[in-house]
Amino acid sequence: MNDGGTIALPWLVIRQDDNGNRYRVGRYATRAEAQKIADSLDHRGHKQLYWVERIGQHDDATRN
């Protein structure tokens, strides 16, 4: 399904926990904005892994 937000907010921040589960943290208008959030979360010192993807790049992560 393609809602209007998909086009306006095409960048995702994805988190992967210690068990390999992936979750969408948020959607952003620009890659730079998404990367800033991912970097901020990553620097908190938790063991989770954060990265940025464009919608459609890796559909499995957006299903959680």
C-alpha atoms as a PDB file:
ATOM      1  CA  MET A   1       0.000   0.000   0.000  1.00  0.00           C
ATOM      2  CA  ASN A   2       1.334   3.420  -0.885  1.00  0.00           C
ATOM      3  CA  ASP A   3       0.120   6.304   1.235  1.00  0.00           C
ATOM      4  CA  GLY A   4       1.086   9.945   0.759  1.00  0.00           C
ATOM      5  CA  GLY A   5       3.627   9.706   3.597  1.00  0.00           C
ATOM      6  CA  THR A   6       5.732   7.197   1.700  1.00  0.00           C
ATOM      7  CA  ILE A   7       6.698   9.801  -0.878  1.00  0.00           C
ATOM      8  CA  ALA A   8       7.087  12.675   1.592  1.00  0.00           C
ATOM      9  CA  LEU A   9       9.045  10.591   4.137  1.00  0.00           C
ATOM     10  CA  PRO A  10      11.062   8.063   2.133  1.00  0.00           C
ATOM     11  CA  TRP A  11      13.931   7.547   4.636  1.00  0.00           C
ATOM     12  CA  LEU A  12      13.708   5.084   7.520  1.00  0.00           C
ATOM     13  CA  VAL A  13      15.771   4.603  10.644  1.00  0.00           C
ATOM     14  CA  ILE A  14      15.881   0.893  11.466  1.00  0.00           C
ATOM     15  CA  ARG A  15      16.946  -0.674  14.774  1.00  0.00           C
ATOM     16  CA  GLN A  16      18.130  -4.236  15.185  1.00  0.00           C
ATOM     17  CA  ASP A  17      18.215  -5.669  18.710  1.00  0.00           C
ATOM     18  CA  ASP A  18      20.487  -8.321  20.206  1.00  0.00           C
ATOM     19  CA  ASN A  19      18.173 -11.092  18.979  1.00  0.00           C
ATOM     20  CA  GLY A  20      18.187  -9.934  15.367  1.00  0.00           C
ATOM     21  CA  ASN A  21      14.686  -8.421  15.469  1.00  0.00           C
ATOM     22  CA  ARG A  22      14.310  -5.315  13.313  1.00  0.00           C
ATOM     23  CA  TYR A  23      12.049  -2.360  14.004  1.00  0.00           C
ATOM     24  CA  ARG A  24      11.265   0.865  12.208  1.00  0.00           C
ATOM     25  CA  VAL A  25      12.195   3.733  14.535  1.00  0.00           C
ATOM     26  CA  GLY A  26      10.955   6.574  12.329  1.00  0.00           C
ATOM     27  CA  ARG A  27      10.469   8.000   8.851  1.00  0.00           C
ATOM     28  CA  TYR A  28      12.180  11.149   7.611  1.00  0.00           C
ATOM     29  CA  ALA A  29      12.141  13.465   4.617  1.00  0.00           C
ATOM     30  CA  THR A  30      15.885  13.450   3.978  1.00  0.00           C
ATOM     31  CA  ARG A  31      18.703  10.987   4.372  1.00  0.00           C
ATOM     32  CA  ALA A  32      20.660  13.572   6.379  1.00  0.00           C
ATOM     33  CA  GLU A  33      17.816  13.946   8.875  1.00  0.00           C
ATOM     34  CA  ALA A  34      17.471  10.168   9.246  1.00  0.00           C
ATOM     35  CA  GLN A  35      21.235   9.737   9.634  1.00  0.00           C
ATOM     36  CA  LYS A  36      21.341  12.408  12.349  1.00  0.00           C
ATOM     37  CA  ILE A  37      18.704  10.491  14.344  1.00  0.00           C
ATOM     38  CA  ALA A  38      20.433   7.132  13.787  1.00  0.00           C
ATOM     39  CA  ASP A  39      23.774   8.588  14.899  1.00  0.00           C
ATOM     40  CA  SER A  40      22.177  10.138  17.986  1.00  0.00           C
ATOM     41  CA  LEU A  41      20.602   6.822  18.990  1.00  0.00           C
ATOM     42  CA  ASP A  42      23.781   4.893  18.233  1.00  0.00           C
ATOM     43  CA  HIS A  43      25.866   7.142  20.489  1.00  0.00           C
ATOM     44  CA  ARG A  44      23.693   6.365  23.513  1.00  0.00           C
ATOM     45  CA  GLY A  45      25.774   3.256  24.105  1.00  0.00           C
ATOM     46  CA  HIS A  46      23.075   0.596  23.773  1.00  0.00           C
ATOM     47  CA  LYS A  47      23.880  -2.679  22.026  1.00  0.00           C
ATOM     48  CA  GLN A  48      21.280  -2.123  19.316  1.00  0.00           C
ATOM     49  CA  LEU A  49      22.364  -1.418  15.765  1.00  0.00           C
ATOM     50  CA  TYR A  50      20.829   1.551  13.913  1.00  0.00           C
ATOM     51  CA  TRP A  51      20.960   2.320  10.194  1.00  0.00           C
ATOM     52  CA  VAL A  52      19.224   4.317   7.479  1.00  0.00           C
ATOM     53  CA  GLU A  53      17.332   2.861   4.520  1.00  0.00           C
ATOM     54  CA  ARG A  54      15.225   4.296   1.746  1.00  0.00           C
ATOM     55  CA  ILE A  55      11.680   2.879   1.632  1.00  0.00           C
ATOM     56  CA  GLY A  56      11.609  -0.187  -0.593  1.00  0.00           C
ATOM     57  CA  GLN A  57      15.320  -0.846  -0.153  1.00  0.00           C
ATOM     58  CA  HIS A  58      14.767  -3.634   2.409  1.00  0.00           C
ATOM     59  CA  ASP A  59      11.051  -4.336   2.867  1.00  0.00           C
ATOM     60  CA  ASP A  60      11.505  -6.933   5.650  1.00  0.00           C
ATOM     61  CA  ALA A  61      12.544  -4.274   8.160  1.00  0.00           C
ATOM     62  CA  THR A  62       9.432  -2.185   7.617  1.00  0.00           C
ATOM     63  CA  ARG A  63       7.030  -4.987   8.513  1.00  0.00           C
ATOM     64  CA  ASN A  64       7.678  -4.822  12.285  1.00  0.00           C
END
